[in-house]
């Protein structure tokens, strides 16, 4: 699977906006809604500015995922977490409806893990997914994550509380 990742920037912000709008309904089937304000162009431009600031300060590293045709097909993110003894980040990712189940997420997570451990020097990466999201769990397991715990009624999706499975991977 040929994919590339690049940090979120002003240059790719229009493609991100289009990606998020086109896939909103699909994502909200399995993820908490971001609300209508997120999809307002003026608000979205401010969100991109905040993301770029966050990247520049090392609070998070947000990437777009592109396929072999240079089309934006997903996002993968690392958010630095507070931990007194280890440098820890939380991993998140999403792939467009039309490109799901093709191995892109597995490849992109592999790439961002190299960045996480080699470039940003994180000691540990954690990731959570809905307990019934088998595809997401496979992505994590294929990338060497181990199951840590289940959190009951952890996240609200479409008006119902769903359980989360938490995974971890050490350097």
N, C-alpha and C. Protein backbone atom coordinates (compact mmCIF):
# COMPACT_ATOMS: atom_id res chain seq x y z
N UNK A 1 0.85 -1.17 0.00
CA UNK A 1 0.00 0.00 0.00
C UNK A 1 0.90 1.24 0.00
N UNK A 2 0.82 2.02 -1.04
CA UNK A 2 1.65 3.21 -1.15
C UNK A 2 0.88 4.40 -0.61
N UNK A 3 1.35 4.92 0.51
CA UNK A 3 0.77 6.13 1.10
C UNK A 3 1.91 7.02 1.53
N UNK A 4 1.59 8.27 1.75
CA UNK A 4 2.54 9.21 2.33
C UNK A 4 1.80 10.01 3.39
N UNK A 5 2.57 10.56 4.32
CA UNK A 5 1.99 11.44 5.32
C UNK A 5 2.72 12.77 5.27
N UNK A 6 1.98 13.84 5.54
CA UNK A 6 2.60 15.17 5.63
C UNK A 6 1.87 15.96 6.70
N UNK A 7 2.61 16.80 7.38
CA UNK A 7 2.02 17.61 8.44
C UNK A 7 0.94 18.53 7.89
N UNK A 8 -0.07 18.77 8.69
CA UNK A 8 -1.12 19.72 8.34
C UNK A 8 -0.47 21.09 8.14
N UNK A 9 -0.91 21.79 7.10
CA UNK A 9 -0.37 23.11 6.78
C UNK A 9 -1.45 23.95 6.11
N UNK A 10 -1.15 25.22 5.92
CA UNK A 10 -2.07 26.09 5.17
C UNK A 10 -2.28 25.54 3.76
N UNK A 11 -1.21 24.97 3.19
CA UNK A 11 -1.27 24.49 1.82
C UNK A 11 -2.24 23.32 1.64
N UNK A 12 -2.40 22.48 2.65
CA UNK A 12 -3.31 21.35 2.48
C UNK A 12 -4.63 21.54 3.23
N UNK A 13 -4.86 22.73 3.77
CA UNK A 13 -6.06 22.96 4.58
C UNK A 13 -7.36 22.87 3.78
N UNK A 14 -7.37 23.32 2.54
CA UNK A 14 -8.60 23.22 1.73
C UNK A 14 -8.96 21.76 1.46
N UNK A 15 -7.95 20.95 1.20
CA UNK A 15 -8.20 19.52 0.97
C UNK A 15 -8.70 18.85 2.25
N UNK A 16 -8.19 19.28 3.39
CA UNK A 16 -8.66 18.73 4.68
C UNK A 16 -10.12 19.09 4.90
N UNK A 17 -10.45 20.35 4.65
CA UNK A 17 -11.84 20.81 4.82
C UNK A 17 -12.79 19.98 3.95
N UNK A 18 -12.43 19.80 2.70
CA UNK A 18 -13.25 19.01 1.77
C UNK A 18 -13.37 17.57 2.28
N UNK A 19 -12.27 16.98 2.70
CA UNK A 19 -12.25 15.62 3.22
C UNK A 19 -13.19 15.47 4.43
N UNK A 20 -13.09 16.41 5.37
CA UNK A 20 -13.91 16.34 6.57
C UNK A 20 -15.40 16.49 6.25
N UNK A 21 -15.73 17.44 5.37
CA UNK A 21 -17.15 17.65 5.00
C UNK A 21 -17.71 16.44 4.26
N UNK A 22 -16.95 15.90 3.32
CA UNK A 22 -17.42 14.76 2.54
C UNK A 22 -17.63 13.51 3.39
N UNK A 23 -16.87 13.37 4.45
CA UNK A 23 -16.90 12.15 5.26
C UNK A 23 -17.57 12.33 6.61
N UNK A 24 -18.17 13.48 6.84
CA UNK A 24 -18.77 13.77 8.15
C UNK A 24 -19.75 12.68 8.58
N UNK A 25 -20.72 12.39 7.76
CA UNK A 25 -21.75 11.40 8.12
C UNK A 25 -21.12 10.03 8.39
N UNK A 26 -20.18 9.65 7.56
CA UNK A 26 -19.49 8.36 7.73
C UNK A 26 -18.75 8.31 9.06
N UNK A 27 -17.99 9.35 9.38
CA UNK A 27 -17.23 9.37 10.63
C UNK A 27 -18.15 9.39 11.85
N UNK A 28 -19.25 10.12 11.76
CA UNK A 28 -20.13 10.26 12.92
C UNK A 28 -20.93 8.99 13.22
N UNK A 29 -20.84 7.99 12.36
CA UNK A 29 -21.44 6.69 12.68
C UNK A 29 -20.66 5.97 13.78
N UNK A 30 -19.36 6.26 13.86
CA UNK A 30 -18.53 5.53 14.82
C UNK A 30 -17.70 6.42 15.73
N UNK A 31 -17.76 7.72 15.53
CA UNK A 31 -16.99 8.67 16.34
C UNK A 31 -17.92 9.76 16.87
N UNK A 32 -17.55 10.38 17.99
CA UNK A 32 -18.36 11.50 18.48
C UNK A 32 -18.41 12.63 17.44
N UNK A 33 -19.54 13.27 17.33
CA UNK A 33 -19.71 14.39 16.41
C UNK A 33 -18.84 15.56 16.83
N UNK A 34 -18.32 16.27 15.85
CA UNK A 34 -17.56 17.48 16.14
C UNK A 34 -18.46 18.71 16.18
N UNK A 35 -19.73 18.54 15.85
CA UNK A 35 -20.67 19.65 15.87
C UNK A 35 -20.64 20.46 14.59
N UNK A 36 -21.70 21.21 14.37
CA UNK A 36 -21.84 21.99 13.13
C UNK A 36 -20.78 23.07 12.98
N UNK A 37 -20.37 23.68 14.08
CA UNK A 37 -19.40 24.78 14.01
C UNK A 37 -18.09 24.34 13.38
N UNK A 38 -17.70 23.10 13.59
CA UNK A 38 -16.44 22.58 13.04
C UNK A 38 -16.44 22.68 11.51
N UNK A 39 -17.60 22.54 10.90
CA UNK A 39 -17.70 22.48 9.45
C UNK A 39 -17.99 23.84 8.81
N UNK A 40 -18.06 24.89 9.60
CA UNK A 40 -18.17 26.25 9.09
C UNK A 40 -16.79 26.67 8.60
N UNK A 41 -16.68 27.15 7.37
CA UNK A 41 -15.38 27.44 6.77
C UNK A 41 -14.56 28.42 7.60
N UNK A 42 -15.17 29.49 8.10
CA UNK A 42 -14.42 30.46 8.91
C UNK A 42 -13.88 29.82 10.18
N UNK A 43 -14.71 29.03 10.84
CA UNK A 43 -14.25 28.33 12.04
C UNK A 43 -13.16 27.32 11.70
N UNK A 44 -13.34 26.62 10.59
CA UNK A 44 -12.36 25.61 10.21
C UNK A 44 -10.99 26.23 9.95
N UNK A 45 -10.98 27.40 9.32
CA UNK A 45 -9.70 28.09 9.08
C UNK A 45 -9.01 28.42 10.40
N UNK A 46 -9.77 28.81 11.41
CA UNK A 46 -9.21 29.08 12.74
C UNK A 46 -8.70 27.79 13.38
N UNK A 47 -9.43 26.70 13.19
CA UNK A 47 -9.00 25.40 13.72
C UNK A 47 -7.67 25.00 13.10
N UNK A 48 -7.52 25.19 11.80
CA UNK A 48 -6.26 24.87 11.12
C UNK A 48 -5.13 25.71 11.69
N UNK A 49 -5.37 26.99 11.93
CA UNK A 49 -4.35 27.85 12.55
C UNK A 49 -3.94 27.31 13.92
N UNK A 50 -4.92 26.86 14.71
CA UNK A 50 -4.62 26.28 16.02
C UNK A 50 -3.83 24.99 15.88
N UNK A 51 -4.17 24.18 14.90
CA UNK A 51 -3.44 22.93 14.67
C UNK A 51 -1.99 23.23 14.31
N UNK A 52 -1.77 24.19 13.42
CA UNK A 52 -0.40 24.55 13.03
C UNK A 52 0.38 25.08 14.23
N UNK A 53 -0.26 25.89 15.06
CA UNK A 53 0.38 26.37 16.29
C UNK A 53 0.74 25.19 17.19
N UNK A 54 -0.17 24.25 17.32
CA UNK A 54 0.05 23.07 18.14
C UNK A 54 1.23 22.24 17.63
N UNK A 55 1.34 22.12 16.32
CA UNK A 55 2.48 21.42 15.72
C UNK A 55 3.77 22.16 16.04
N UNK A 56 3.76 23.48 15.85
CA UNK A 56 4.96 24.29 16.07
C UNK A 56 5.42 24.29 17.52
N UNK A 57 4.50 24.10 18.46
CA UNK A 57 4.87 24.08 19.88
C UNK A 57 5.12 22.67 20.41
N UNK A 58 4.89 21.66 19.58
CA UNK A 58 5.13 20.28 20.00
C UNK A 58 4.03 19.68 20.84
N UNK A 59 2.87 20.32 20.89
CA UNK A 59 1.74 19.77 21.66
C UNK A 59 1.06 18.63 20.92
N UNK A 60 1.10 18.68 19.60
CA UNK A 60 0.53 17.61 18.79
C UNK A 60 1.17 17.63 17.41
N UNK A 61 1.03 16.52 16.73
CA UNK A 61 1.56 16.38 15.37
C UNK A 61 0.45 15.77 14.54
N UNK A 62 -0.13 16.59 13.67
CA UNK A 62 -1.28 16.16 12.88
C UNK A 62 -0.87 16.07 11.42
N UNK A 63 -1.15 14.92 10.85
CA UNK A 63 -0.75 14.63 9.48
C UNK A 63 -1.96 14.34 8.61
N UNK A 64 -1.80 14.62 7.32
CA UNK A 64 -2.75 14.12 6.33
C UNK A 64 -2.14 12.87 5.72
N UNK A 65 -3.01 11.98 5.27
CA UNK A 65 -2.59 10.76 4.59
C UNK A 65 -2.98 10.90 3.13
N UNK A 66 -2.01 10.66 2.24
CA UNK A 66 -2.28 10.74 0.80
C UNK A 66 -1.99 9.39 0.16
N UNK A 67 -2.79 9.06 -0.87
CA UNK A 67 -2.56 7.82 -1.60
C UNK A 67 -1.51 8.04 -2.69
N UNK A 68 -1.27 7.00 -3.50
CA UNK A 68 -0.24 7.07 -4.54
C UNK A 68 -0.55 8.12 -5.60
N UNK A 69 -1.80 8.57 -5.69
CA UNK A 69 -2.18 9.63 -6.63
C UNK A 69 -2.17 11.01 -5.99
N UNK A 70 -1.60 11.11 -4.79
CA UNK A 70 -1.47 12.36 -4.04
C UNK A 70 -2.83 12.92 -3.59
N UNK A 71 -3.83 12.04 -3.49
CA UNK A 71 -5.15 12.45 -3.02
C UNK A 71 -5.23 12.26 -1.51
N UNK A 72 -5.77 13.27 -0.81
CA UNK A 72 -5.95 13.17 0.63
C UNK A 72 -7.04 12.15 0.92
N UNK A 73 -6.66 11.10 1.67
CA UNK A 73 -7.61 10.02 1.97
C UNK A 73 -7.80 9.81 3.46
N UNK A 74 -7.07 10.56 4.28
CA UNK A 74 -7.22 10.36 5.72
C UNK A 74 -6.36 11.30 6.53
N UNK A 75 -6.45 11.09 7.84
CA UNK A 75 -5.66 11.87 8.80
C UNK A 75 -5.13 10.93 9.86
N UNK A 76 -3.97 11.26 10.38
CA UNK A 76 -3.38 10.52 11.50
C UNK A 76 -2.73 11.55 12.41
N UNK A 77 -2.96 11.41 13.71
CA UNK A 77 -2.56 12.44 14.67
C UNK A 77 -1.87 11.84 15.88
N UNK A 78 -0.97 12.62 16.45
CA UNK A 78 -0.36 12.32 17.73
C UNK A 78 -0.60 13.51 18.64
N UNK A 79 -1.17 13.27 19.80
CA UNK A 79 -1.39 14.33 20.78
C UNK A 79 -0.58 14.01 22.03
N UNK A 80 0.30 14.92 22.38
CA UNK A 80 1.15 14.72 23.55
C UNK A 80 0.28 14.70 24.81
N UNK A 81 0.52 13.70 25.66
CA UNK A 81 -0.20 13.58 26.93
C UNK A 81 0.74 13.88 28.08
N UNK A 82 0.18 14.33 29.18
CA UNK A 82 0.98 14.63 30.37
C UNK A 82 1.25 13.34 31.13
N UNK A 83 2.51 13.04 31.34
CA UNK A 83 2.92 11.89 32.15
C UNK A 83 4.24 12.26 32.80
N UNK A 84 4.34 12.04 34.09
CA UNK A 84 5.53 12.48 34.82
C UNK A 84 6.78 11.67 34.50
N UNK A 85 6.62 10.39 34.15
CA UNK A 85 7.80 9.55 33.98
C UNK A 85 8.13 9.23 32.53
N UNK A 86 7.14 9.28 31.64
CA UNK A 86 7.35 8.93 30.24
C UNK A 86 6.84 10.02 29.32
N UNK A 87 7.41 10.08 28.13
CA UNK A 87 6.90 10.97 27.09
C UNK A 87 5.87 10.16 26.30
N UNK A 88 4.58 10.51 26.46
CA UNK A 88 3.48 9.70 25.93
C UNK A 88 2.64 10.54 24.96
N UNK A 89 2.16 9.88 23.90
CA UNK A 89 1.24 10.53 22.96
C UNK A 89 0.06 9.61 22.71
N UNK A 90 -1.07 10.24 22.38
CA UNK A 90 -2.26 9.50 21.98
C UNK A 90 -2.37 9.54 20.47
N UNK A 91 -2.61 8.39 19.88
CA UNK A 91 -2.73 8.23 18.44
C UNK A 91 -4.20 8.26 18.03
N UNK A 92 -4.48 8.94 16.94
CA UNK A 92 -5.81 8.92 16.35
C UNK A 92 -5.68 8.86 14.84
N UNK A 93 -6.66 8.28 14.17
CA UNK A 93 -6.61 8.20 12.71
C UNK A 93 -8.01 8.01 12.16
N UNK A 94 -8.19 8.41 10.92
CA UNK A 94 -9.45 8.24 10.20
C UNK A 94 -9.15 8.19 8.71
N UNK A 95 -9.85 7.31 8.04
CA UNK A 95 -9.70 7.12 6.59
C UNK A 95 -11.06 7.37 5.95
N UNK A 96 -11.06 7.98 4.76
CA UNK A 96 -12.32 8.28 4.08
C UNK A 96 -13.12 7.01 3.80
N UNK A 97 -14.41 7.18 3.68
CA UNK A 97 -15.31 6.05 3.43
C UNK A 97 -14.89 5.26 2.20
N UNK A 98 -14.57 5.95 1.13
CA UNK A 98 -14.24 5.28 -0.14
C UNK A 98 -12.89 4.57 -0.13
N UNK A 99 -12.04 4.87 0.84
CA UNK A 99 -10.70 4.28 0.88
C UNK A 99 -10.50 3.35 2.08
N UNK A 100 -11.55 3.10 2.84
CA UNK A 100 -11.45 2.24 4.02
C UNK A 100 -11.22 0.78 3.61
N UNK A 101 -10.61 0.04 4.52
CA UNK A 101 -10.38 -1.40 4.35
C UNK A 101 -9.49 -1.74 3.17
N UNK A 102 -8.53 -0.85 2.89
CA UNK A 102 -7.56 -1.09 1.82
C UNK A 102 -6.13 -1.13 2.34
N UNK A 103 -5.96 -1.05 3.67
CA UNK A 103 -4.62 -1.09 4.25
C UNK A 103 -3.97 0.26 4.45
N UNK A 104 -4.64 1.33 4.04
CA UNK A 104 -4.05 2.66 4.16
C UNK A 104 -3.81 3.06 5.62
N UNK A 105 -4.76 2.79 6.49
CA UNK A 105 -4.59 3.16 7.90
C UNK A 105 -3.41 2.42 8.51
N UNK A 106 -3.29 1.14 8.22
CA UNK A 106 -2.18 0.35 8.76
C UNK A 106 -0.85 0.95 8.33
N UNK A 107 -0.72 1.29 7.05
CA UNK A 107 0.52 1.88 6.54
C UNK A 107 0.79 3.25 7.14
N UNK A 108 -0.23 4.08 7.23
CA UNK A 108 -0.05 5.43 7.77
C UNK A 108 0.32 5.39 9.25
N UNK A 109 -0.30 4.49 10.01
CA UNK A 109 0.04 4.36 11.43
C UNK A 109 1.48 3.89 11.57
N UNK A 110 1.90 2.96 10.73
CA UNK A 110 3.30 2.51 10.76
C UNK A 110 4.25 3.70 10.54
N UNK A 111 3.92 4.54 9.58
CA UNK A 111 4.76 5.71 9.28
C UNK A 111 4.79 6.70 10.44
N UNK A 112 3.63 6.98 11.01
CA UNK A 112 3.59 7.97 12.09
C UNK A 112 4.25 7.43 13.35
N UNK A 113 4.25 6.11 13.54
CA UNK A 113 4.96 5.54 14.69
C UNK A 113 6.46 5.75 14.57
N UNK A 114 7.00 5.65 13.35
CA UNK A 114 8.42 5.95 13.14
C UNK A 114 8.71 7.40 13.52
N UNK A 115 7.84 8.30 13.11
CA UNK A 115 7.99 9.71 13.49
C UNK A 115 7.91 9.87 15.01
N UNK A 116 6.94 9.21 15.60
CA UNK A 116 6.71 9.33 17.05
C UNK A 116 7.92 8.91 17.85
N UNK A 117 8.50 7.78 17.50
CA UNK A 117 9.60 7.24 18.28
C UNK A 117 10.95 7.82 17.87
N UNK A 118 11.20 8.00 16.58
CA UNK A 118 12.52 8.43 16.11
C UNK A 118 12.68 9.94 16.04
N UNK A 119 11.67 10.65 15.61
CA UNK A 119 11.77 12.10 15.44
C UNK A 119 11.35 12.87 16.69
N UNK A 120 10.23 12.44 17.30
CA UNK A 120 9.69 13.17 18.45
C UNK A 120 10.05 12.53 19.79
N UNK A 121 10.66 11.36 19.74
CA UNK A 121 11.20 10.68 20.94
C UNK A 121 10.15 10.36 22.00
N UNK A 122 8.98 9.96 21.56
CA UNK A 122 7.98 9.48 22.52
C UNK A 122 8.42 8.11 23.02
N UNK A 123 8.09 7.82 24.28
CA UNK A 123 8.39 6.52 24.87
C UNK A 123 7.24 5.54 24.70
N UNK A 124 6.03 6.08 24.63
CA UNK A 124 4.84 5.23 24.61
C UNK A 124 3.75 5.92 23.80
N UNK A 125 3.00 5.12 23.05
CA UNK A 125 1.85 5.62 22.29
C UNK A 125 0.63 4.84 22.77
N UNK A 126 -0.45 5.55 23.05
CA UNK A 126 -1.71 4.91 23.42
C UNK A 126 -2.75 5.24 22.36
N UNK A 127 -3.72 4.36 22.21
CA UNK A 127 -4.79 4.57 21.24
C UNK A 127 -6.06 3.92 21.75
N UNK A 128 -7.18 4.55 21.48
CA UNK A 128 -8.47 4.00 21.87
C UNK A 128 -9.37 3.85 20.66
N UNK A 129 -10.24 2.87 20.73
CA UNK A 129 -11.21 2.64 19.67
C UNK A 129 -12.48 2.07 20.27
N UNK A 130 -13.58 2.27 19.60
CA UNK A 130 -14.83 1.66 20.06
C UNK A 130 -14.63 0.15 20.10
N UNK A 131 -15.18 -0.47 21.12
CA UNK A 131 -14.96 -1.91 21.31
C UNK A 131 -15.46 -2.75 20.14
N UNK A 132 -16.40 -2.23 19.37
CA UNK A 132 -16.93 -2.99 18.23
C UNK A 132 -16.30 -2.61 16.89
N UNK A 133 -15.27 -1.76 16.92
CA UNK A 133 -14.61 -1.34 15.69
C UNK A 133 -13.44 -2.29 15.38
N UNK A 134 -13.79 -3.42 14.78
CA UNK A 134 -12.79 -4.46 14.52
C UNK A 134 -11.70 -3.99 13.57
N UNK A 135 -12.05 -3.20 12.56
CA UNK A 135 -11.05 -2.73 11.61
C UNK A 135 -9.99 -1.87 12.30
N UNK A 136 -10.42 -0.99 13.18
CA UNK A 136 -9.47 -0.13 13.89
C UNK A 136 -8.58 -0.94 14.82
N UNK A 137 -9.17 -1.92 15.49
CA UNK A 137 -8.37 -2.78 16.37
C UNK A 137 -7.31 -3.55 15.57
N UNK A 138 -7.66 -4.00 14.36
CA UNK A 138 -6.70 -4.71 13.51
C UNK A 138 -5.53 -3.81 13.13
N UNK A 139 -5.82 -2.55 12.83
CA UNK A 139 -4.76 -1.60 12.50
C UNK A 139 -3.75 -1.52 13.65
N UNK A 140 -4.26 -1.40 14.85
CA UNK A 140 -3.38 -1.28 16.02
C UNK A 140 -2.59 -2.56 16.26
N UNK A 141 -3.24 -3.69 16.20
CA UNK A 141 -2.56 -4.97 16.45
C UNK A 141 -1.49 -5.23 15.39
N UNK A 142 -1.80 -4.94 14.12
CA UNK A 142 -0.81 -5.12 13.05
C UNK A 142 0.41 -4.23 13.26
N UNK A 143 0.24 -3.13 13.97
CA UNK A 143 1.35 -2.22 14.24
C UNK A 143 1.99 -2.45 15.61
N UNK A 144 1.72 -3.60 16.21
CA UNK A 144 2.42 -3.99 17.43
C UNK A 144 1.84 -3.46 18.73
N UNK A 145 0.64 -2.91 18.69
CA UNK A 145 -0.01 -2.45 19.92
C UNK A 145 -0.54 -3.66 20.69
N UNK A 146 -0.59 -3.52 22.00
CA UNK A 146 -1.19 -4.55 22.84
C UNK A 146 -2.40 -3.97 23.56
N UNK A 147 -3.39 -4.82 23.77
CA UNK A 147 -4.61 -4.42 24.46
C UNK A 147 -4.28 -4.11 25.92
N UNK A 148 -4.75 -2.98 26.41
CA UNK A 148 -4.50 -2.56 27.79
C UNK A 148 -5.74 -2.73 28.65
N UNK A 149 -6.88 -2.16 28.20
CA UNK A 149 -8.09 -2.22 29.03
C UNK A 149 -9.33 -1.87 28.22
N UNK A 150 -10.47 -2.22 28.81
CA UNK A 150 -11.76 -1.81 28.27
C UNK A 150 -12.37 -0.80 29.24
N UNK A 151 -12.89 0.28 28.69
CA UNK A 151 -13.57 1.28 29.50
C UNK A 151 -15.05 1.25 29.10
N UNK A 152 -15.89 0.90 30.05
CA UNK A 152 -17.32 0.78 29.79
C UNK A 152 -17.96 2.16 29.62
N UNK A 153 -18.89 2.25 28.68
CA UNK A 153 -19.67 3.46 28.44
C UNK A 153 -18.79 4.71 28.45
N UNK A 154 -17.77 4.69 27.63
CA UNK A 154 -16.72 5.72 27.65
C UNK A 154 -17.03 6.93 26.77
N UNK A 155 -17.60 6.70 25.60
CA UNK A 155 -17.76 7.77 24.61
C UNK A 155 -19.19 7.76 24.08
N UNK A 156 -19.74 8.96 23.87
CA UNK A 156 -21.08 9.05 23.29
C UNK A 156 -20.99 9.15 21.78
N UNK A 157 -21.66 8.22 21.11
CA UNK A 157 -21.73 8.20 19.65
C UNK A 157 -23.19 8.03 19.26
N UNK A 158 -23.71 8.98 18.51
CA UNK A 158 -25.11 8.92 18.06
C UNK A 158 -26.09 8.73 19.22
N UNK A 159 -25.85 9.44 20.31
CA UNK A 159 -26.78 9.42 21.43
C UNK A 159 -26.69 8.20 22.33
N UNK A 160 -25.71 7.35 22.11
CA UNK A 160 -25.55 6.20 23.01
C UNK A 160 -24.10 6.10 23.48
N UNK A 161 -23.93 5.61 24.69
CA UNK A 161 -22.60 5.42 25.24
C UNK A 161 -22.02 4.10 24.75
N UNK A 162 -20.79 4.16 24.25
CA UNK A 162 -20.14 2.95 23.75
C UNK A 162 -18.88 2.67 24.58
N UNK A 163 -18.53 1.40 24.65
CA UNK A 163 -17.32 0.98 25.35
C UNK A 163 -16.10 1.27 24.47
N UNK A 164 -14.98 1.55 25.12
CA UNK A 164 -13.72 1.76 24.41
C UNK A 164 -12.73 0.67 24.76
N UNK A 165 -11.90 0.32 23.79
CA UNK A 165 -10.75 -0.54 24.02
C UNK A 165 -9.51 0.33 23.89
N UNK A 166 -8.65 0.25 24.89
CA UNK A 166 -7.43 1.05 24.92
C UNK A 166 -6.24 0.13 24.64
N UNK A 167 -5.36 0.59 23.76
CA UNK A 167 -4.16 -0.15 23.37
C UNK A 167 -2.93 0.70 23.67
N UNK A 168 -1.78 0.05 23.77
CA UNK A 168 -0.54 0.78 24.00
C UNK A 168 0.61 0.13 23.24
N UNK A 169 1.62 0.95 22.97
CA UNK A 169 2.84 0.46 22.34
C UNK A 169 4.00 1.27 22.90
N UNK A 170 5.05 0.55 23.31
CA UNK A 170 6.26 1.20 23.82
C UNK A 170 7.32 1.25 22.73
N UNK A 171 8.22 2.20 22.88
CA UNK A 171 9.35 2.36 21.96
C UNK A 171 10.07 1.04 21.80
